[in-house]
């Protein structure tokens, strides 16, 4: 099964497979119809505090990645991660949809 990443602002494609938004906040200016999502898993996204911390320190990618992985190991994230795993098991292709401008340094790359 393939897992791919795609920005929320890119046009959805029939080849995307199951599309899952992995952001805590809804992407600005995007309608639910235009997003074509199968699920929105807010609780797999970084906490508000970590998101703000990284936004102020974009050069600290490795520290962000480590802190985010720690958050993913908490009880709060457990249920959402289980949902994500279930979607991955039942899909031929899973597209993790994210809103960040940086296509290489974002939470979806960590999840993948």
N, C-alpha and C. Protein backbone atom coordinates (compact mmCIF):
# COMPACT_ATOMS: atom_id res chain seq x y z
N UNK A 1 0.83 -1.17 0.00
CA UNK A 1 0.00 0.00 0.00
C UNK A 1 0.88 1.24 0.00
N UNK A 2 0.53 2.17 -0.86
CA UNK A 2 1.31 3.40 -1.00
C UNK A 2 0.75 4.50 -0.10
N UNK A 3 1.66 5.25 0.50
CA UNK A 3 1.28 6.44 1.27
C UNK A 3 1.96 7.62 0.60
N UNK A 4 1.14 8.59 0.21
CA UNK A 4 1.67 9.78 -0.44
C UNK A 4 1.24 11.01 0.33
N UNK A 5 1.92 12.11 0.07
CA UNK A 5 1.61 13.39 0.71
C UNK A 5 1.13 14.37 -0.34
N UNK A 6 0.20 15.23 0.07
CA UNK A 6 -0.31 16.21 -0.87
C UNK A 6 -0.78 17.44 -0.10
N UNK A 7 -0.44 18.60 -0.60
CA UNK A 7 -0.92 19.84 0.02
C UNK A 7 -2.42 19.96 -0.17
N UNK A 8 -3.07 20.50 0.82
CA UNK A 8 -4.53 20.66 0.77
C UNK A 8 -4.95 21.55 -0.38
N UNK A 9 -4.09 22.45 -0.81
CA UNK A 9 -4.43 23.41 -1.85
C UNK A 9 -4.18 22.87 -3.26
N UNK A 10 -3.61 21.66 -3.36
CA UNK A 10 -3.47 21.03 -4.66
C UNK A 10 -4.80 20.38 -5.03
N UNK A 11 -5.09 20.35 -6.32
CA UNK A 11 -6.34 19.77 -6.78
C UNK A 11 -6.39 18.27 -6.48
N UNK A 12 -7.48 17.81 -5.87
CA UNK A 12 -7.62 16.37 -5.63
C UNK A 12 -7.65 15.60 -6.95
N UNK A 13 -7.20 14.36 -6.89
CA UNK A 13 -7.15 13.53 -8.08
C UNK A 13 -7.83 12.19 -7.79
N UNK A 14 -8.36 11.59 -8.81
CA UNK A 14 -8.99 10.28 -8.65
C UNK A 14 -7.96 9.23 -8.23
N UNK A 15 -6.69 9.49 -8.48
CA UNK A 15 -5.64 8.54 -8.12
C UNK A 15 -5.13 8.73 -6.69
N UNK A 16 -5.70 9.68 -5.94
CA UNK A 16 -5.27 9.94 -4.56
C UNK A 16 -5.63 8.81 -3.61
N UNK A 17 -6.62 8.05 -3.95
CA UNK A 17 -7.08 7.01 -3.03
C UNK A 17 -7.80 7.63 -1.85
N UNK A 18 -7.60 7.10 -0.67
CA UNK A 18 -8.24 7.62 0.54
C UNK A 18 -7.48 8.87 0.99
N UNK A 19 -8.21 9.98 1.09
CA UNK A 19 -7.61 11.28 1.45
C UNK A 19 -7.92 11.61 2.91
N UNK A 20 -6.86 11.84 3.69
CA UNK A 20 -7.01 12.11 5.12
C UNK A 20 -6.30 13.42 5.46
N UNK A 21 -7.05 14.37 5.97
CA UNK A 21 -6.47 15.62 6.44
C UNK A 21 -5.82 15.37 7.79
N UNK A 22 -4.54 15.70 7.92
CA UNK A 22 -3.80 15.45 9.16
C UNK A 22 -3.34 16.78 9.76
N UNK A 23 -4.25 17.72 9.84
CA UNK A 23 -4.02 19.05 10.41
C UNK A 23 -4.99 19.28 11.55
N UNK A 24 -4.56 20.01 12.56
CA UNK A 24 -5.44 20.35 13.68
C UNK A 24 -6.44 21.43 13.27
N UNK A 25 -5.99 22.37 12.43
CA UNK A 25 -6.84 23.46 11.96
C UNK A 25 -7.23 23.23 10.51
N UNK A 26 -8.45 23.65 10.16
CA UNK A 26 -8.89 23.52 8.78
C UNK A 26 -8.08 24.49 7.92
N UNK A 27 -7.62 24.06 6.74
CA UNK A 27 -6.84 24.93 5.85
C UNK A 27 -7.64 26.16 5.42
N UNK A 28 -7.05 27.30 5.60
CA UNK A 28 -7.69 28.57 5.30
C UNK A 28 -8.12 28.66 3.84
N UNK A 29 -9.37 29.10 3.63
CA UNK A 29 -9.87 29.33 2.29
C UNK A 29 -10.29 28.09 1.51
N UNK A 30 -10.22 26.93 2.12
CA UNK A 30 -10.55 25.68 1.45
C UNK A 30 -11.93 25.21 1.90
N UNK A 31 -12.81 24.93 0.95
CA UNK A 31 -14.13 24.42 1.31
C UNK A 31 -14.06 22.91 1.49
N UNK A 32 -15.01 22.39 2.23
CA UNK A 32 -15.05 20.94 2.44
C UNK A 32 -15.30 20.21 1.13
N UNK A 33 -16.10 20.80 0.26
CA UNK A 33 -16.36 20.19 -1.04
C UNK A 33 -15.09 20.12 -1.89
N UNK A 34 -14.31 21.20 -1.88
CA UNK A 34 -13.09 21.25 -2.68
C UNK A 34 -12.01 20.32 -2.14
N UNK A 35 -12.04 20.04 -0.85
CA UNK A 35 -11.01 19.20 -0.22
C UNK A 35 -11.15 17.73 -0.57
N UNK A 36 -12.38 17.27 -0.81
CA UNK A 36 -12.63 15.86 -1.14
C UNK A 36 -11.95 14.90 -0.17
N UNK A 37 -12.25 15.06 1.11
CA UNK A 37 -11.60 14.25 2.14
C UNK A 37 -12.46 13.05 2.53
N UNK A 38 -11.78 11.99 2.90
CA UNK A 38 -12.46 10.82 3.45
C UNK A 38 -12.46 10.86 4.97
N UNK A 39 -11.50 11.59 5.54
CA UNK A 39 -11.41 11.70 7.00
C UNK A 39 -10.59 12.93 7.36
N UNK A 40 -10.84 13.42 8.58
CA UNK A 40 -10.05 14.51 9.14
C UNK A 40 -9.63 14.06 10.53
N UNK A 41 -8.35 13.77 10.69
CA UNK A 41 -7.84 13.27 11.97
C UNK A 41 -7.04 14.37 12.66
N UNK A 42 -7.74 15.23 13.38
CA UNK A 42 -7.12 16.36 14.07
C UNK A 42 -6.11 15.91 15.12
N UNK A 43 -6.41 14.81 15.78
CA UNK A 43 -5.58 14.40 16.92
C UNK A 43 -4.27 13.73 16.55
N UNK A 44 -4.00 13.53 15.26
CA UNK A 44 -2.67 13.08 14.87
C UNK A 44 -1.77 14.25 14.52
N UNK A 45 -2.34 15.44 14.48
CA UNK A 45 -1.57 16.64 14.18
C UNK A 45 -0.83 17.11 15.43
N UNK A 46 0.22 17.89 15.24
CA UNK A 46 0.92 18.44 16.40
C UNK A 46 -0.01 19.31 17.24
N UNK A 47 0.26 19.35 18.53
CA UNK A 47 -0.55 20.19 19.42
C UNK A 47 -0.42 21.65 19.00
N UNK A 48 -1.37 22.45 19.45
CA UNK A 48 -1.34 23.88 19.16
C UNK A 48 -0.03 24.49 19.65
N UNK A 49 0.40 24.09 20.84
CA UNK A 49 1.62 24.64 21.42
C UNK A 49 2.85 24.27 20.58
N UNK A 50 2.94 23.01 20.15
CA UNK A 50 4.09 22.59 19.34
C UNK A 50 4.06 23.26 17.97
N UNK A 51 2.90 23.38 17.40
CA UNK A 51 2.76 24.04 16.10
C UNK A 51 3.26 25.48 16.18
N UNK A 52 2.84 26.20 17.23
CA UNK A 52 3.28 27.59 17.41
C UNK A 52 4.79 27.65 17.66
N UNK A 53 5.31 26.71 18.45
CA UNK A 53 6.73 26.67 18.75
C UNK A 53 7.54 26.51 17.46
N UNK A 54 7.14 25.57 16.61
CA UNK A 54 7.87 25.33 15.37
C UNK A 54 7.73 26.49 14.40
N UNK A 55 6.56 27.09 14.37
CA UNK A 55 6.35 28.24 13.47
C UNK A 55 7.34 29.36 13.80
N UNK A 56 7.65 29.55 15.07
CA UNK A 56 8.59 30.58 15.50
C UNK A 56 10.05 30.14 15.32
N UNK A 57 10.27 28.84 15.11
CA UNK A 57 11.63 28.28 15.00
C UNK A 57 11.74 27.30 13.83
N UNK A 58 11.50 27.74 12.61
CA UNK A 58 11.47 26.81 11.48
C UNK A 58 12.79 26.10 11.20
N UNK A 59 13.88 26.60 11.71
CA UNK A 59 15.18 25.94 11.49
C UNK A 59 15.41 24.79 12.46
N UNK A 60 14.52 24.61 13.40
CA UNK A 60 14.68 23.55 14.39
C UNK A 60 13.87 22.31 14.03
N UNK A 61 14.00 21.88 12.80
CA UNK A 61 13.23 20.75 12.28
C UNK A 61 13.44 19.49 13.12
N UNK A 62 14.68 19.14 13.40
CA UNK A 62 14.94 17.91 14.15
C UNK A 62 14.33 17.94 15.54
N UNK A 63 14.39 19.09 16.20
CA UNK A 63 13.78 19.22 17.53
C UNK A 63 12.26 19.11 17.43
N UNK A 64 11.69 19.72 16.39
CA UNK A 64 10.24 19.61 16.18
C UNK A 64 9.85 18.15 15.95
N UNK A 65 10.60 17.50 15.07
CA UNK A 65 10.31 16.10 14.74
C UNK A 65 10.33 15.23 15.99
N UNK A 66 11.33 15.41 16.82
CA UNK A 66 11.45 14.63 18.05
C UNK A 66 10.27 14.91 19.00
N UNK A 67 9.92 16.17 19.17
CA UNK A 67 8.82 16.53 20.07
C UNK A 67 7.48 16.01 19.52
N UNK A 68 7.33 16.07 18.21
CA UNK A 68 6.10 15.59 17.59
C UNK A 68 5.96 14.08 17.76
N UNK A 69 7.04 13.34 17.57
CA UNK A 69 7.00 11.89 17.78
C UNK A 69 6.67 11.56 19.23
N UNK A 70 7.14 12.37 20.16
CA UNK A 70 6.79 12.18 21.57
C UNK A 70 5.29 12.39 21.77
N UNK A 71 4.73 13.42 21.12
CA UNK A 71 3.29 13.65 21.22
C UNK A 71 2.50 12.48 20.63
N UNK A 72 3.00 11.91 19.56
CA UNK A 72 2.30 10.80 18.92
C UNK A 72 2.29 9.54 19.78
N UNK A 73 3.15 9.51 20.78
CA UNK A 73 3.18 8.33 21.67
C UNK A 73 2.29 8.51 22.90
N UNK A 74 1.51 9.59 22.96
CA UNK A 74 0.63 9.83 24.10
C UNK A 74 -0.72 9.15 23.90
N UNK A 75 -1.46 9.04 24.98
CA UNK A 75 -2.79 8.42 24.94
C UNK A 75 -3.75 9.21 24.05
N UNK A 76 -3.61 10.54 24.03
CA UNK A 76 -4.52 11.36 23.20
C UNK A 76 -4.38 11.01 21.72
N UNK A 77 -3.18 10.76 21.30
CA UNK A 77 -2.94 10.46 19.88
C UNK A 77 -3.25 9.02 19.53
N UNK A 78 -3.30 8.15 20.51
CA UNK A 78 -3.45 6.71 20.27
C UNK A 78 -4.68 6.36 19.45
N UNK A 79 -5.82 6.91 19.81
CA UNK A 79 -7.07 6.60 19.11
C UNK A 79 -7.02 7.10 17.66
N UNK A 80 -6.52 8.31 17.48
CA UNK A 80 -6.43 8.86 16.13
C UNK A 80 -5.43 8.08 15.27
N UNK A 81 -4.33 7.67 15.87
CA UNK A 81 -3.37 6.86 15.12
C UNK A 81 -3.97 5.52 14.73
N UNK A 82 -4.75 4.95 15.61
CA UNK A 82 -5.41 3.68 15.29
C UNK A 82 -6.38 3.87 14.12
N UNK A 83 -7.09 4.99 14.09
CA UNK A 83 -7.96 5.29 12.96
C UNK A 83 -7.15 5.41 11.67
N UNK A 84 -6.01 6.08 11.77
CA UNK A 84 -5.15 6.25 10.59
C UNK A 84 -4.64 4.89 10.11
N UNK A 85 -4.22 4.03 11.04
CA UNK A 85 -3.75 2.69 10.66
C UNK A 85 -4.87 1.89 9.99
N UNK A 86 -6.08 2.01 10.51
CA UNK A 86 -7.22 1.29 9.94
C UNK A 86 -7.50 1.78 8.52
N UNK A 87 -7.46 3.08 8.31
CA UNK A 87 -7.64 3.63 6.96
C UNK A 87 -6.54 3.13 6.03
N UNK A 88 -5.32 3.08 6.53
CA UNK A 88 -4.20 2.60 5.72
C UNK A 88 -4.36 1.13 5.35
N UNK A 89 -4.84 0.34 6.30
CA UNK A 89 -5.03 -1.10 6.04
C UNK A 89 -6.11 -1.35 5.00
N UNK A 90 -7.13 -0.51 4.98
CA UNK A 90 -8.26 -0.75 4.08
C UNK A 90 -8.15 -0.03 2.74
N UNK A 91 -7.09 0.74 2.54
CA UNK A 91 -6.94 1.51 1.31
C UNK A 91 -5.82 0.96 0.44
N UNK A 92 -5.99 1.06 -0.85
CA UNK A 92 -4.90 0.71 -1.76
C UNK A 92 -3.84 1.81 -1.74
N UNK A 93 -4.32 3.04 -1.60
CA UNK A 93 -3.43 4.19 -1.57
C UNK A 93 -3.99 5.17 -0.54
N UNK A 94 -3.11 5.70 0.30
CA UNK A 94 -3.49 6.65 1.33
C UNK A 94 -2.77 7.96 1.06
N UNK A 95 -3.53 9.04 0.96
CA UNK A 95 -2.95 10.36 0.76
C UNK A 95 -3.13 11.16 2.03
N UNK A 96 -2.00 11.54 2.63
CA UNK A 96 -2.03 12.40 3.82
C UNK A 96 -2.04 13.84 3.32
N UNK A 97 -3.09 14.55 3.66
CA UNK A 97 -3.29 15.91 3.19
C UNK A 97 -2.86 16.87 4.29
N UNK A 98 -2.04 17.84 3.93
CA UNK A 98 -1.51 18.82 4.89
C UNK A 98 -1.60 20.22 4.30
N UNK A 99 -1.46 21.24 5.12
CA UNK A 99 -1.60 22.62 4.66
C UNK A 99 -0.29 23.39 4.59
N UNK A 100 0.76 22.90 5.20
CA UNK A 100 2.02 23.64 5.28
C UNK A 100 2.58 23.97 3.90
N UNK A 101 3.24 25.11 3.81
CA UNK A 101 3.88 25.51 2.55
C UNK A 101 5.13 24.69 2.28
N UNK A 102 5.85 24.36 3.36
CA UNK A 102 7.09 23.61 3.23
C UNK A 102 6.75 22.15 2.98
N UNK A 103 7.06 21.68 1.79
CA UNK A 103 6.69 20.32 1.41
C UNK A 103 7.62 19.26 1.96
N UNK A 104 8.77 19.66 2.52
CA UNK A 104 9.73 18.70 3.06
C UNK A 104 9.74 18.65 4.58
N UNK A 105 9.37 19.74 5.21
CA UNK A 105 9.43 19.83 6.67
C UNK A 105 8.05 20.16 7.23
N UNK A 106 7.25 19.12 7.39
CA UNK A 106 5.91 19.30 7.94
C UNK A 106 5.51 18.03 8.67
N UNK A 107 4.45 18.11 9.43
CA UNK A 107 4.05 16.98 10.25
C UNK A 107 3.65 15.75 9.43
N UNK A 108 3.12 15.95 8.24
CA UNK A 108 2.72 14.81 7.41
C UNK A 108 3.94 13.98 7.00
N UNK A 109 5.08 14.61 6.79
CA UNK A 109 6.28 13.84 6.46
C UNK A 109 6.70 12.97 7.63
N UNK A 110 6.48 13.44 8.84
CA UNK A 110 6.79 12.64 10.03
C UNK A 110 5.82 11.46 10.12
N UNK A 111 4.55 11.71 9.89
CA UNK A 111 3.55 10.63 9.94
C UNK A 111 3.84 9.55 8.89
N UNK A 112 4.21 9.97 7.72
CA UNK A 112 4.48 9.00 6.65
C UNK A 112 5.61 8.08 7.06
